[in-house]
Amino acid sequence: MAIQTRNKRKAEFSMASMSDLVFLLLIFFMLTSTLVAPNAIKLLLPNSNSKTMAKQTVTIYINDKYQYFVDENRVSELQLQDRIDNKIAGQIDASVVLRSDKSVPVQYVVNVIDAVNNINKKYNTKHKVILATKPKR
């Protein structure tokens, strides 16, 4: 009389759990890659020890050729105030982050500050300009 077991072992491998794992990893890397925001415009930022952190509403770049960029879109000095106004329209206390190359003369930085101050006067708002720096070593 032969004794047979009820539960037979299968030599197959179920791929269902492996595909679930692959999809979870794919979702994880897709989400984490969107959180990384590299600077598309290469700048040499000035050094500083201060650590002011703020939620940035709009970012303005001034490169070493003295060109203005509002959120990576090139604008002229005459269009600067209108573009900033469009980006922060409807907000009362937005933060404008200024990323300027350290070789840029101060006048170009002052032009951005003046544009934001003109918007503040026009709409009676409290927008502020924050100068981005890199930490000292």
N, C-alpha and C. Protein backbone atom coordinates (compact mmCIF):
# COMPACT_ATOMS: atom_id res chain seq x y z
N MET A 1 0.84 -1.17 0.00
CA MET A 1 0.00 0.00 0.00
C MET A 1 0.90 1.24 0.00
N ALA A 2 0.76 2.05 -1.02
CA ALA A 2 1.58 3.24 -1.17
C ALA A 2 0.91 4.42 -0.48
N ILE A 3 1.68 5.14 0.31
CA ILE A 3 1.15 6.31 1.02
C ILE A 3 1.43 7.54 0.15
N GLN A 4 0.37 8.27 -0.17
CA GLN A 4 0.51 9.46 -0.99
C GLN A 4 0.28 10.70 -0.14
N THR A 5 1.03 11.74 -0.40
CA THR A 5 0.86 12.99 0.34
C THR A 5 -0.21 13.84 -0.33
N ARG A 6 -0.93 14.58 0.49
CA ARG A 6 -1.99 15.43 -0.05
C ARG A 6 -1.43 16.69 -0.72
N ASN A 7 -0.45 17.27 -0.10
CA ASN A 7 0.14 18.50 -0.62
C ASN A 7 1.39 18.15 -1.42
N LYS A 8 1.30 18.37 -2.69
CA LYS A 8 2.44 18.07 -3.54
C LYS A 8 3.24 19.35 -3.76
N ARG A 9 4.51 19.23 -3.73
CA ARG A 9 5.38 20.38 -3.93
C ARG A 9 5.55 20.64 -5.42
N LYS A 10 5.46 21.91 -5.74
CA LYS A 10 5.62 22.30 -7.14
C LYS A 10 6.99 22.91 -7.33
N ALA A 11 7.60 22.64 -8.43
CA ALA A 11 8.93 23.16 -8.72
C ALA A 11 8.85 24.46 -9.52
N GLU A 12 7.68 25.07 -9.64
CA GLU A 12 7.49 26.30 -10.40
C GLU A 12 7.74 27.52 -9.52
N PHE A 13 8.09 28.61 -10.16
CA PHE A 13 8.30 29.87 -9.44
C PHE A 13 7.22 30.85 -9.88
N SER A 14 6.54 31.45 -8.93
CA SER A 14 5.47 32.42 -9.24
C SER A 14 6.09 33.79 -9.50
N MET A 15 5.86 34.34 -10.68
CA MET A 15 6.39 35.65 -11.05
C MET A 15 5.51 36.80 -10.59
N ALA A 16 4.36 36.54 -10.01
CA ALA A 16 3.43 37.60 -9.60
C ALA A 16 4.07 38.50 -8.55
N SER A 17 4.71 37.94 -7.56
CA SER A 17 5.32 38.76 -6.51
C SER A 17 6.52 39.54 -7.05
N MET A 18 7.24 38.98 -8.00
CA MET A 18 8.38 39.67 -8.58
C MET A 18 7.92 40.88 -9.40
N SER A 19 6.86 40.74 -10.14
CA SER A 19 6.36 41.87 -10.93
C SER A 19 5.82 42.97 -10.01
N ASP A 20 5.20 42.60 -8.91
CA ASP A 20 4.74 43.60 -7.94
C ASP A 20 5.92 44.39 -7.38
N LEU A 21 6.98 43.69 -7.09
CA LEU A 21 8.17 44.34 -6.56
C LEU A 21 8.79 45.30 -7.59
N VAL A 22 8.82 44.90 -8.83
CA VAL A 22 9.37 45.75 -9.88
C VAL A 22 8.53 47.01 -10.04
N PHE A 23 7.21 46.89 -10.01
CA PHE A 23 6.35 48.06 -10.14
C PHE A 23 6.49 49.00 -8.94
N LEU A 24 6.63 48.46 -7.75
CA LEU A 24 6.83 49.30 -6.57
C LEU A 24 8.16 50.06 -6.67
N LEU A 25 9.20 49.40 -7.12
CA LEU A 25 10.48 50.10 -7.29
C LEU A 25 10.39 51.16 -8.38
N LEU A 26 9.69 50.86 -9.44
CA LEU A 26 9.52 51.83 -10.51
C LEU A 26 8.79 53.07 -10.01
N ILE A 27 7.74 52.90 -9.26
CA ILE A 27 6.99 54.03 -8.70
C ILE A 27 7.86 54.82 -7.74
N PHE A 28 8.62 54.13 -6.90
CA PHE A 28 9.50 54.80 -5.95
C PHE A 28 10.51 55.69 -6.66
N PHE A 29 11.18 55.17 -7.68
CA PHE A 29 12.19 55.96 -8.38
C PHE A 29 11.57 57.09 -9.20
N MET A 30 10.39 56.88 -9.72
CA MET A 30 9.72 57.97 -10.45
C MET A 30 9.37 59.12 -9.51
N LEU A 31 8.89 58.80 -8.33
CA LEU A 31 8.54 59.85 -7.37
C LEU A 31 9.76 60.57 -6.84
N THR A 32 10.80 59.83 -6.51
CA THR A 32 11.98 60.49 -5.96
C THR A 32 12.73 61.29 -7.01
N SER A 33 12.66 60.90 -8.26
CA SER A 33 13.37 61.67 -9.29
C SER A 33 12.69 63.00 -9.57
N THR A 34 11.39 63.12 -9.32
CA THR A 34 10.71 64.39 -9.52
C THR A 34 11.01 65.37 -8.39
N LEU A 35 11.47 64.89 -7.25
CA LEU A 35 11.78 65.77 -6.13
C LEU A 35 13.13 66.45 -6.31
N VAL A 36 13.98 65.93 -7.14
CA VAL A 36 15.29 66.51 -7.39
C VAL A 36 15.14 67.60 -8.44
N ALA A 37 15.54 68.83 -8.09
CA ALA A 37 15.41 69.95 -9.01
C ALA A 37 16.79 70.53 -9.29
N PRO A 38 17.49 70.02 -10.28
CA PRO A 38 18.81 70.57 -10.57
C PRO A 38 18.71 71.94 -11.22
N ASN A 39 19.74 72.73 -11.01
CA ASN A 39 19.79 74.04 -11.66
C ASN A 39 20.12 73.84 -13.12
N ALA A 40 19.23 74.28 -13.98
CA ALA A 40 19.44 74.11 -15.41
C ALA A 40 20.41 75.16 -15.94
N ILE A 41 20.51 76.27 -15.26
CA ILE A 41 21.41 77.34 -15.68
C ILE A 41 22.62 77.31 -14.76
N LYS A 42 23.79 77.12 -15.35
CA LYS A 42 25.01 77.00 -14.56
C LYS A 42 25.45 78.36 -14.04
N LEU A 43 25.54 78.46 -12.71
CA LEU A 43 25.95 79.70 -12.06
C LEU A 43 26.98 79.41 -11.00
N LEU A 44 27.86 80.35 -10.76
CA LEU A 44 28.75 80.31 -9.62
C LEU A 44 28.15 81.24 -8.57
N LEU A 45 27.44 80.66 -7.61
CA LEU A 45 26.76 81.46 -6.59
C LEU A 45 27.77 82.01 -5.60
N PRO A 46 27.48 83.19 -5.04
CA PRO A 46 28.37 83.73 -4.00
C PRO A 46 28.31 82.86 -2.74
N ASN A 47 29.35 82.93 -1.92
CA ASN A 47 29.42 82.15 -0.69
C ASN A 47 28.80 82.92 0.47
N SER A 48 28.19 82.17 1.40
CA SER A 48 27.59 82.79 2.57
C SER A 48 27.43 81.74 3.67
N ASN A 49 27.37 82.21 4.92
CA ASN A 49 27.12 81.33 6.05
C ASN A 49 25.65 81.31 6.45
N SER A 50 24.86 82.23 5.93
CA SER A 50 23.46 82.31 6.33
C SER A 50 22.67 81.16 5.73
N LYS A 51 21.62 80.74 6.45
CA LYS A 51 20.80 79.62 6.01
C LYS A 51 19.33 80.03 6.01
N THR A 52 18.96 80.93 5.15
CA THR A 52 17.57 81.35 5.05
C THR A 52 16.85 80.39 4.11
N MET A 53 15.81 79.77 4.60
CA MET A 53 15.03 78.84 3.78
C MET A 53 13.62 79.42 3.64
N ALA A 54 13.10 79.35 2.43
CA ALA A 54 11.75 79.85 2.19
C ALA A 54 11.15 79.05 1.05
N LYS A 55 9.84 79.03 1.05
CA LYS A 55 9.13 78.39 -0.05
C LYS A 55 9.23 79.32 -1.25
N GLN A 56 9.86 78.85 -2.30
CA GLN A 56 10.06 79.72 -3.45
C GLN A 56 8.87 79.66 -4.38
N THR A 57 8.41 80.82 -4.78
CA THR A 57 7.30 80.92 -5.70
C THR A 57 7.81 81.03 -7.13
N VAL A 58 8.83 81.85 -7.31
CA VAL A 58 9.42 82.04 -8.63
C VAL A 58 10.93 82.18 -8.46
N THR A 59 11.68 81.66 -9.43
CA THR A 59 13.13 81.74 -9.38
C THR A 59 13.62 82.57 -10.57
N ILE A 60 14.49 83.51 -10.27
CA ILE A 60 15.06 84.37 -11.30
C ILE A 60 16.56 84.10 -11.35
N TYR A 61 17.07 83.89 -12.55
CA TYR A 61 18.49 83.64 -12.74
C TYR A 61 19.11 84.81 -13.49
N ILE A 62 20.34 85.14 -13.11
CA ILE A 62 21.15 86.09 -13.89
C ILE A 62 22.47 85.37 -14.13
N ASN A 63 22.77 85.09 -15.40
CA ASN A 63 23.99 84.33 -15.69
C ASN A 63 25.18 85.28 -15.88
N ASP A 64 26.32 84.70 -16.19
CA ASP A 64 27.54 85.50 -16.32
C ASP A 64 27.56 86.38 -17.56
N LYS A 65 26.58 86.23 -18.44
CA LYS A 65 26.45 87.11 -19.61
C LYS A 65 25.41 88.20 -19.36
N TYR A 66 24.99 88.33 -18.11
CA TYR A 66 24.03 89.35 -17.66
C TYR A 66 22.67 89.18 -18.32
N GLN A 67 22.26 87.96 -18.54
CA GLN A 67 20.95 87.68 -19.11
C GLN A 67 20.01 87.25 -17.99
N TYR A 68 18.76 87.72 -18.06
CA TYR A 68 17.75 87.38 -17.06
C TYR A 68 16.96 86.16 -17.52
N PHE A 69 16.64 85.28 -16.57
CA PHE A 69 15.79 84.13 -16.82
C PHE A 69 14.76 84.06 -15.71
N VAL A 70 13.50 83.94 -16.07
CA VAL A 70 12.43 83.74 -15.08
C VAL A 70 11.97 82.30 -15.24
N ASP A 71 12.25 81.48 -14.22
CA ASP A 71 11.97 80.05 -14.28
C ASP A 71 12.52 79.43 -15.55
N GLU A 72 13.78 79.69 -15.85
CA GLU A 72 14.53 79.13 -16.97
C GLU A 72 14.08 79.62 -18.34
N ASN A 73 13.21 80.63 -18.39
CA ASN A 73 12.81 81.24 -19.66
C ASN A 73 13.48 82.61 -19.77
N ARG A 74 14.23 82.82 -20.84
CA ARG A 74 14.98 84.06 -20.98
C ARG A 74 14.03 85.23 -21.23
N VAL A 75 14.28 86.34 -20.51
CA VAL A 75 13.51 87.56 -20.66
C VAL A 75 14.46 88.74 -20.73
N SER A 76 13.98 89.82 -21.31
CA SER A 76 14.78 91.04 -21.34
C SER A 76 14.54 91.83 -20.05
N GLU A 77 15.34 92.83 -19.84
CA GLU A 77 15.18 93.66 -18.64
C GLU A 77 13.84 94.39 -18.65
N LEU A 78 13.36 94.75 -19.83
CA LEU A 78 12.07 95.43 -19.94
C LEU A 78 10.89 94.51 -19.64
N GLN A 79 11.03 93.23 -19.93
CA GLN A 79 9.95 92.26 -19.69
C GLN A 79 9.99 91.69 -18.28
N LEU A 80 11.05 91.95 -17.54
CA LEU A 80 11.27 91.31 -16.25
C LEU A 80 10.12 91.54 -15.27
N GLN A 81 9.71 92.78 -15.09
CA GLN A 81 8.66 93.08 -14.12
C GLN A 81 7.34 92.43 -14.52
N ASP A 82 7.00 92.45 -15.80
CA ASP A 82 5.74 91.84 -16.24
C ASP A 82 5.75 90.33 -16.03
N ARG A 83 6.86 89.68 -16.31
CA ARG A 83 6.94 88.22 -16.13
C ARG A 83 6.85 87.84 -14.66
N ILE A 84 7.53 88.59 -13.80
CA ILE A 84 7.44 88.32 -12.36
C ILE A 84 6.01 88.55 -11.88
N ASP A 85 5.40 89.63 -12.36
CA ASP A 85 4.02 89.95 -11.99
C ASP A 85 3.08 88.82 -12.39
N ASN A 86 3.26 88.25 -13.56
CA ASN A 86 2.42 87.14 -14.00
C ASN A 86 2.61 85.89 -13.14
N LYS A 87 3.84 85.64 -12.72
CA LYS A 87 4.13 84.44 -11.92
C LYS A 87 3.57 84.53 -10.50
N ILE A 88 3.56 85.73 -9.91
CA ILE A 88 3.12 85.86 -8.51
C ILE A 88 1.77 86.54 -8.40
N ALA A 89 1.03 86.59 -9.49
CA ALA A 89 -0.28 87.24 -9.47
C ALA A 89 -1.21 86.52 -8.50
N GLY A 90 -1.94 87.31 -7.72
CA GLY A 90 -2.91 86.75 -6.78
C GLY A 90 -2.33 86.35 -5.44
N GLN A 91 -1.04 86.47 -5.25
CA GLN A 91 -0.41 86.14 -3.98
C GLN A 91 -0.05 87.41 -3.23
N ILE A 92 -0.05 87.32 -1.92
CA ILE A 92 0.22 88.50 -1.10
C ILE A 92 1.67 88.54 -0.63
N ASP A 93 2.23 87.38 -0.27
CA ASP A 93 3.61 87.38 0.26
C ASP A 93 4.44 86.27 -0.38
N ALA A 94 4.66 86.39 -1.66
CA ALA A 94 5.46 85.39 -2.39
C ALA A 94 6.95 85.63 -2.17
N SER A 95 7.71 84.57 -2.35
CA SER A 95 9.17 84.66 -2.26
C SER A 95 9.77 84.51 -3.64
N VAL A 96 10.57 85.50 -4.01
CA VAL A 96 11.26 85.48 -5.30
C VAL A 96 12.72 85.13 -4.99
N VAL A 97 13.17 83.97 -5.46
CA VAL A 97 14.54 83.54 -5.22
C VAL A 97 15.40 84.01 -6.39
N LEU A 98 16.44 84.76 -6.08
CA LEU A 98 17.34 85.31 -7.08
C LEU A 98 18.63 84.51 -7.07
N ARG A 99 18.92 83.84 -8.16
CA ARG A 99 20.16 83.08 -8.32
C ARG A 99 21.03 83.82 -9.32
N SER A 100 21.98 84.54 -8.79
CA SER A 100 22.83 85.38 -9.62
C SER A 100 24.26 84.87 -9.58
N ASP A 101 24.90 84.86 -10.74
CA ASP A 101 26.31 84.49 -10.80
C ASP A 101 27.11 85.51 -9.99
N LYS A 102 28.18 85.06 -9.33
CA LYS A 102 28.91 85.98 -8.45
C LYS A 102 29.70 87.03 -9.22
N SER A 103 29.85 86.88 -10.53
CA SER A 103 30.55 87.89 -11.32
C SER A 103 29.62 88.99 -11.83
N VAL A 104 28.31 88.87 -11.58
CA VAL A 104 27.34 89.85 -12.07
C VAL A 104 27.42 91.13 -11.23
N PRO A 105 27.47 92.30 -11.88
CA PRO A 105 27.47 93.55 -11.12
C PRO A 105 26.19 93.72 -10.31
N VAL A 106 26.30 94.47 -9.24
CA VAL A 106 25.20 94.65 -8.30
C VAL A 106 23.98 95.30 -8.97
N GLN A 107 24.20 96.10 -9.99
CA GLN A 107 23.10 96.81 -10.64
C GLN A 107 22.06 95.84 -11.20
N TYR A 108 22.48 94.69 -11.70
CA TYR A 108 21.55 93.72 -12.25
C TYR A 108 20.70 93.09 -11.15
N VAL A 109 21.31 92.89 -9.99
CA VAL A 109 20.56 92.39 -8.84
C VAL A 109 19.55 93.44 -8.37
N VAL A 110 19.98 94.69 -8.34
CA VAL A 110 19.10 95.79 -7.92
C VAL A 110 17.92 95.93 -8.89
N ASN A 111 18.13 95.66 -10.16
CA ASN A 111 17.03 95.71 -11.13
C ASN A 111 15.92 94.72 -10.78
N VAL A 112 16.30 93.54 -10.34
CA VAL A 112 15.30 92.54 -9.94
C VAL A 112 14.58 92.99 -8.67
N ILE A 113 15.34 93.51 -7.71
CA ILE A 113 14.73 93.98 -6.46
C ILE A 113 13.77 95.14 -6.74
N ASP A 114 14.17 96.05 -7.62
CA ASP A 114 13.30 97.16 -7.99
C ASP A 114 12.01 96.67 -8.66
N ALA A 115 12.13 95.66 -9.51
CA ALA A 115 10.94 95.12 -10.18
C ALA A 115 9.96 94.55 -9.17
N VAL A 116 10.47 93.82 -8.18
CA VAL A 116 9.60 93.25 -7.14
C VAL A 116 9.03 94.37 -6.27
N ASN A 117 9.82 95.37 -5.94
CA ASN A 117 9.31 96.49 -5.14
C ASN A 117 8.23 97.27 -5.88
N ASN A 118 8.38 97.43 -7.19
CA ASN A 118 7.34 98.09 -7.99
C ASN A 118 6.03 97.30 -7.97
N ILE A 119 6.14 95.99 -8.02
CA ILE A 119 4.94 95.14 -7.93
C ILE A 119 4.31 95.29 -6.56
N ASN A 120 5.14 95.35 -5.51
CA ASN A 120 4.62 95.54 -4.15
C ASN A 120 3.86 96.86 -4.01
N LYS A 121 4.40 97.92 -4.59
CA LYS A 121 3.73 99.22 -4.53
C LYS A 121 2.43 99.21 -5.34
N LYS A 122 2.47 98.57 -6.48
CA LYS A 122 1.32 98.56 -7.38
C LYS A 122 0.12 97.84 -6.77
N TYR A 123 0.37 96.69 -6.12
CA TYR A 123 -0.73 95.87 -5.59
C TYR A 123 -0.81 95.87 -4.07
N ASN A 124 0.05 96.66 -3.40
CA ASN A 124 0.10 96.71 -1.94
C ASN A 124 0.30 95.31 -1.36
N THR A 125 1.34 94.62 -1.84
CA THR A 125 1.67 93.27 -1.39
C THR A 125 2.99 93.27 -0.64
N LYS A 126 3.39 92.08 -0.16
CA LYS A 126 4.60 91.96 0.63
C LYS A 126 5.53 90.89 0.06
N HIS A 127 5.77 90.93 -1.21
CA HIS A 127 6.68 89.97 -1.83
C HIS A 127 8.11 90.30 -1.40
N LYS A 128 8.93 89.25 -1.30
CA LYS A 128 10.32 89.48 -0.89
C LYS A 128 11.27 88.78 -1.86
N VAL A 129 12.48 89.31 -1.93
CA VAL A 129 13.53 88.77 -2.78
C VAL A 129 14.57 88.12 -1.88
N ILE A 130 14.91 86.87 -2.19
CA ILE A 130 15.92 86.15 -1.42
C ILE A 130 17.06 85.83 -2.38
N LEU A 131 18.28 86.21 -1.99
CA LEU A 131 19.46 85.94 -2.81
C LEU A 131 20.00 84.55 -2.47
N ALA A 132 20.05 83.68 -3.45
CA ALA A 132 20.56 82.32 -3.24
C ALA A 132 22.07 82.36 -3.19
N THR A 133 22.61 81.60 -2.25
CA THR A 133 24.07 81.50 -2.10
C THR A 133 24.45 80.04 -1.92
N LYS A 134 25.73 79.77 -1.99
CA LYS A 134 26.21 78.42 -1.67
C LYS A 134 26.98 78.50 -0.36
N PRO A 135 26.98 77.43 0.42
CA PRO A 135 27.64 77.48 1.73
C PRO A 135 29.16 77.59 1.61
N LYS A 136 29.74 78.31 2.58
CA LYS A 136 31.20 78.42 2.64
C LYS A 136 31.78 77.10 3.11
N ARG A 137 32.98 76.82 2.66
CA ARG A 137 33.63 75.57 3.10
C ARG A 137 34.55 75.80 4.24
